[in-house]
Amino acid sequence: MEAAAPKGRVLIVDDQFLIVEFLRIWTEACGFEVCDTAKTAEQAVARALEHRPDIVLMDVQLDKGGDGVAAAAEIVAAISARIIFVTASNDAKTLARIAAQKPFATLIKPVDPAELGQVLEQAMSAPAKGC
């Protein structure tokens, strides 16, 4: 029997290994393909351009002082993608910066696996942002 085609391709951007692995496990368990991961803003943009994911799970504070909000803006300016921020930063200033990008969703860490699955499913039903 042939395996079902993935529901969509996801790029995971976070500088914490355990968070990346958690997101990878649950994303794949929901039937999505994780096309790559990135730890820095520069890697995120490069890998998004290379793989053209349907969805980007994006942290805000990245390795080497990287800014996930700025990286997300670069990504949607270059490709069609749905951005879902996954962040531990829930202060008003950070949330306002995120909201200004009009992402598909923002999830606050720790993320509930059921909520992640639901948001991924909803994201694939929504129009992509960007080019």
C-alpha atoms as a PDB file:
ATOM      1  CA  MET A   1       0.000   0.000   0.000  1.00  0.00           C
ATOM      2  CA  GLU A   2       1.313   3.423  -0.952  1.00  0.00           C
ATOM      3  CA  ALA A   3       1.870   6.056   1.737  1.00  0.00           C
ATOM      4  CA  ALA A   4      -0.442   9.053   1.631  1.00  0.00           C
ATOM      5  CA  ALA A   5       0.983  12.198   0.099  1.00  0.00           C
ATOM      6  CA  PRO A   6       1.938  14.803   2.692  1.00  0.00           C
ATOM      7  CA  LYS A   7      -0.691  17.455   3.403  1.00  0.00           C
ATOM      8  CA  GLY A   8       1.890  20.190   2.951  1.00  0.00           C
ATOM      9  CA  ARG A   9       5.561  21.098   3.318  1.00  0.00           C
ATOM     10  CA  VAL A  10       6.746  22.807   6.502  1.00  0.00           C
ATOM     11  CA  LEU A  11       9.971  24.668   7.319  1.00  0.00           C
ATOM     12  CA  ILE A  12      10.722  24.784  11.065  1.00  0.00           C
ATOM     13  CA  VAL A  13      12.771  27.757  12.290  1.00  0.00           C
ATOM     14  CA  ASP A  14      13.928  27.680  15.927  1.00  0.00           C
ATOM     15  CA  ASP A  15      17.329  27.795  17.595  1.00  0.00           C
ATOM     16  CA  GLN A  16      16.466  25.276  20.338  1.00  0.00           C
ATOM     17  CA  PHE A  17      17.059  21.656  19.315  1.00  0.00           C
ATOM     18  CA  LEU A  18      14.375  20.177  21.588  1.00  0.00           C
ATOM     19  CA  ILE A  19      11.753  22.613  20.306  1.00  0.00           C
ATOM     20  CA  VAL A  20      12.677  21.757  16.705  1.00  0.00           C
ATOM     21  CA  GLU A  21      12.373  18.036  17.446  1.00  0.00           C
ATOM     22  CA  PHE A  22       9.012  18.481  19.217  1.00  0.00           C
ATOM     23  CA  LEU A  23       7.665  20.503  16.290  1.00  0.00           C
ATOM     24  CA  ARG A  24       9.075  18.002  13.779  1.00  0.00           C
ATOM     25  CA  ILE A  25       7.512  14.985  15.529  1.00  0.00           C
ATOM     26  CA  TRP A  26       4.075  16.567  15.838  1.00  0.00           C
ATOM     27  CA  THR A  27       4.118  18.136  12.386  1.00  0.00           C
ATOM     28  CA  GLU A  28       4.947  14.781  10.803  1.00  0.00           C
ATOM     29  CA  ALA A  29       2.393  12.999  13.025  1.00  0.00           C
ATOM     30  CA  CYS A  30      -0.235  15.336  11.550  1.00  0.00           C
ATOM     31  CA  GLY A  31       0.671  14.193   8.034  1.00  0.00           C
ATOM     32  CA  PHE A  32       2.899  17.086   6.961  1.00  0.00           C
ATOM     33  CA  GLU A  33       6.401  16.861   5.507  1.00  0.00           C
ATOM     34  CA  VAL A  34       9.148  18.788   7.302  1.00  0.00           C
ATOM     35  CA  CYS A  35      11.248  19.909   4.331  1.00  0.00           C
ATOM     36  CA  ASP A  36      14.036  21.449   6.455  1.00  0.00           C
ATOM     37  CA  THR A  37      14.929  23.282   9.660  1.00  0.00           C
ATOM     38  CA  ALA A  38      16.880  26.470  10.388  1.00  0.00           C
ATOM     39  CA  LYS A  39      18.442  28.081  13.472  1.00  0.00           C
ATOM     40  CA  THR A  40      19.194  31.587  12.187  1.00  0.00           C
ATOM     41  CA  ALA A  41      17.306  34.227  10.238  1.00  0.00           C
ATOM     42  CA  GLU A  42      19.737  33.899   7.330  1.00  0.00           C
ATOM     43  CA  GLN A  43      19.265  30.116   7.193  1.00  0.00           C
ATOM     44  CA  ALA A  44      15.487  30.557   7.383  1.00  0.00           C
ATOM     45  CA  VAL A  45      15.354  32.837   4.353  1.00  0.00           C
ATOM     46  CA  ALA A  46      17.795  30.721   2.328  1.00  0.00           C
ATOM     47  CA  ARG A  47      16.004  27.459   3.093  1.00  0.00           C
ATOM     48  CA  ALA A  48      12.587  28.957   2.415  1.00  0.00           C
ATOM     49  CA  LEU A  49      13.784  30.112  -1.007  1.00  0.00           C
ATOM     50  CA  GLU A  50      15.329  26.699  -1.671  1.00  0.00           C
ATOM     51  CA  HIS A  51      12.408  24.509  -0.530  1.00  0.00           C
ATOM     52  CA  ARG A  52       9.400  26.825  -1.014  1.00  0.00           C
ATOM     53  CA  PRO A  53       7.424  25.438   1.934  1.00  0.00           C
ATOM     54  CA  ASP A  54       3.672  25.844   2.258  1.00  0.00           C
ATOM     55  CA  ILE A  55       4.037  26.748   5.942  1.00  0.00           C
ATOM     56  CA  VAL A  56       6.869  28.243   8.010  1.00  0.00           C
ATOM     57  CA  LEU A  57       6.857  27.646  11.774  1.00  0.00           C
ATOM     58  CA  MET A  58       8.923  30.645  12.915  1.00  0.00           C
ATOM     59  CA  ASP A  59      10.398  31.512  16.305  1.00  0.00           C
ATOM     60  CA  VAL A  60      10.979  35.207  17.035  1.00  0.00           C
ATOM     61  CA  GLN A  61      14.361  35.169  18.789  1.00  0.00           C
ATOM     62  CA  LEU A  62      16.828  33.144  16.745  1.00  0.00           C
ATOM     63  CA  ASP A  63      20.460  32.098  17.012  1.00  0.00           C
ATOM     64  CA  LYS A  64      23.175  34.729  16.440  1.00  0.00           C
ATOM     65  CA  GLY A  65      20.784  37.529  17.405  1.00  0.00           C
ATOM     66  CA  GLY A  66      18.533  36.785  14.462  1.00  0.00           C
ATOM     67  CA  ASP A  67      15.053  38.259  14.193  1.00  0.00           C
ATOM     68  CA  GLY A  68      12.320  35.848  13.135  1.00  0.00           C
ATOM     69  CA  VAL A  69       9.847  38.652  12.448  1.00  0.00           C
ATOM     70  CA  ALA A  70      12.204  40.277   9.929  1.00  0.00           C
ATOM     71  CA  ALA A  71      13.017  36.878   8.401  1.00  0.00           C
ATOM     72  CA  ALA A  72       9.297  36.131   7.990  1.00  0.00           C
ATOM     73  CA  ALA A  73       8.823  39.452   6.183  1.00  0.00           C
ATOM     74  CA  GLU A  74      11.665  38.569   3.793  1.00  0.00           C
ATOM     75  CA  ILE A  75      10.187  35.134   3.164  1.00  0.00           C
ATOM     76  CA  VAL A  76       6.666  36.325   2.309  1.00  0.00           C
ATOM     77  CA  ALA A  77       8.138  39.034   0.071  1.00  0.00           C
ATOM     78  CA  ALA A  78       9.844  36.297  -1.956  1.00  0.00           C
ATOM     79  CA  ILE A  79       7.529  33.256  -1.911  1.00  0.00           C
ATOM     80  CA  SER A  80       3.948  32.279  -1.149  1.00  0.00           C
ATOM     81  CA  ALA A  81       3.911  30.850   2.370  1.00  0.00           C
ATOM     82  CA  ARG A  82       1.778  30.794   5.477  1.00  0.00           C
ATOM     83  CA  ILE A  83       3.703  32.031   8.518  1.00  0.00           C
ATOM     84  CA  ILE A  84       2.905  30.625  11.952  1.00  0.00           C
ATOM     85  CA  PHE A  85       4.929  32.208  14.734  1.00  0.00           C
ATOM     86  CA  VAL A  86       5.846  29.866  17.589  1.00  0.00           C
ATOM     87  CA  THR A  87       7.319  31.946  20.396  1.00  0.00           C
ATOM     88  CA  ALA A  88       7.855  32.181  24.130  1.00  0.00           C
ATOM     89  CA  SER A  89       7.778  35.988  23.846  1.00  0.00           C
ATOM     90  CA  ASN A  90       4.329  37.147  24.880  1.00  0.00           C
ATOM     91  CA  ASP A  91       5.105  40.770  25.750  1.00  0.00           C
ATOM     92  CA  ALA A  92       2.970  43.441  24.093  1.00  0.00           C
ATOM     93  CA  LYS A  93       5.798  44.914  21.986  1.00  0.00           C
ATOM     94  CA  THR A  94       6.770  41.547  20.486  1.00  0.00           C
ATOM     95  CA  LEU A  95       3.160  40.555  19.855  1.00  0.00           C
ATOM     96  CA  ALA A  96       2.551  43.900  18.118  1.00  0.00           C
ATOM     97  CA  ARG A  97       5.591  43.330  15.846  1.00  0.00           C
ATOM     98  CA  ILE A  98       4.277  39.863  15.018  1.00  0.00           C
ATOM     99  CA  ALA A  99       0.738  41.140  14.367  1.00  0.00           C
ATOM    100  CA  ALA A 100       2.093  43.789  11.977  1.00  0.00           C
ATOM    101  CA  GLN A 101       3.289  40.940   9.722  1.00  0.00           C
ATOM    102  CA  LYS A 102      -0.266  39.519   9.577  1.00  0.00           C
ATOM    103  CA  PRO A 103       0.825  35.906  10.123  1.00  0.00           C
ATOM    104  CA  PHE A 104      -1.626  33.052   9.751  1.00  0.00           C
ATOM    105  CA  ALA A 105      -1.342  32.383  13.502  1.00  0.00           C
ATOM    106  CA  THR A 106       0.793  32.895  16.582  1.00  0.00           C
ATOM    107  CA  LEU A 107       1.308  30.057  19.059  1.00  0.00           C
ATOM    108  CA  ILE A 108       2.802  30.708  22.492  1.00  0.00           C
ATOM    109  CA  LYS A 109       5.260  28.133  23.875  1.00  0.00           C
ATOM    110  CA  PRO A 110       4.786  25.603  25.283  1.00  0.00           C
ATOM    111  CA  VAL A 111       2.674  24.563  22.303  1.00  0.00           C
ATOM    112  CA  ASP A 112      -0.162  22.073  22.718  1.00  0.00           C
ATOM    113  CA  PRO A 113       0.287  19.341  20.063  1.00  0.00           C
ATOM    114  CA  ALA A 114      -3.460  19.262  19.341  1.00  0.00           C
ATOM    115  CA  GLU A 115      -3.495  23.033  18.795  1.00  0.00           C
ATOM    116  CA  LEU A 116      -0.459  22.782  16.507  1.00  0.00           C
ATOM    117  CA  GLY A 117      -2.188  20.119  14.420  1.00  0.00           C
ATOM    118  CA  GLN A 118      -5.377  22.150  14.190  1.00  0.00           C
ATOM    119  CA  VAL A 119      -3.522  25.310  13.144  1.00  0.00           C
ATOM    120  CA  LEU A 120      -1.491  23.424  10.510  1.00  0.00           C
ATOM    121  CA  GLU A 121      -4.698  21.984   9.026  1.00  0.00           C
ATOM    122  CA  GLN A 122      -6.363  25.414   8.998  1.00  0.00           C
ATOM    123  CA  ALA A 123      -3.289  27.013   7.432  1.00  0.00           C
ATOM    124  CA  MET A 124      -3.369  24.629   4.483  1.00  0.00           C
ATOM    125  CA  SER A 125      -6.997  25.593   3.846  1.00  0.00           C
ATOM    126  CA  ALA A 126      -6.143  29.311   3.803  1.00  0.00           C
ATOM    127  CA  PRO A 127      -4.624  31.297   0.938  1.00  0.00           C
ATOM    128  CA  ALA A 128      -0.852  31.718   1.148  1.00  0.00           C
ATOM    129  CA  LYS A 129       0.707  35.153   1.627  1.00  0.00           C
ATOM    130  CA  GLY A 130       3.478  36.530  -0.514  1.00  0.00           C
ATOM    131  CA  CYS A 131       4.357  36.397  -4.190  1.00  0.00           C
END
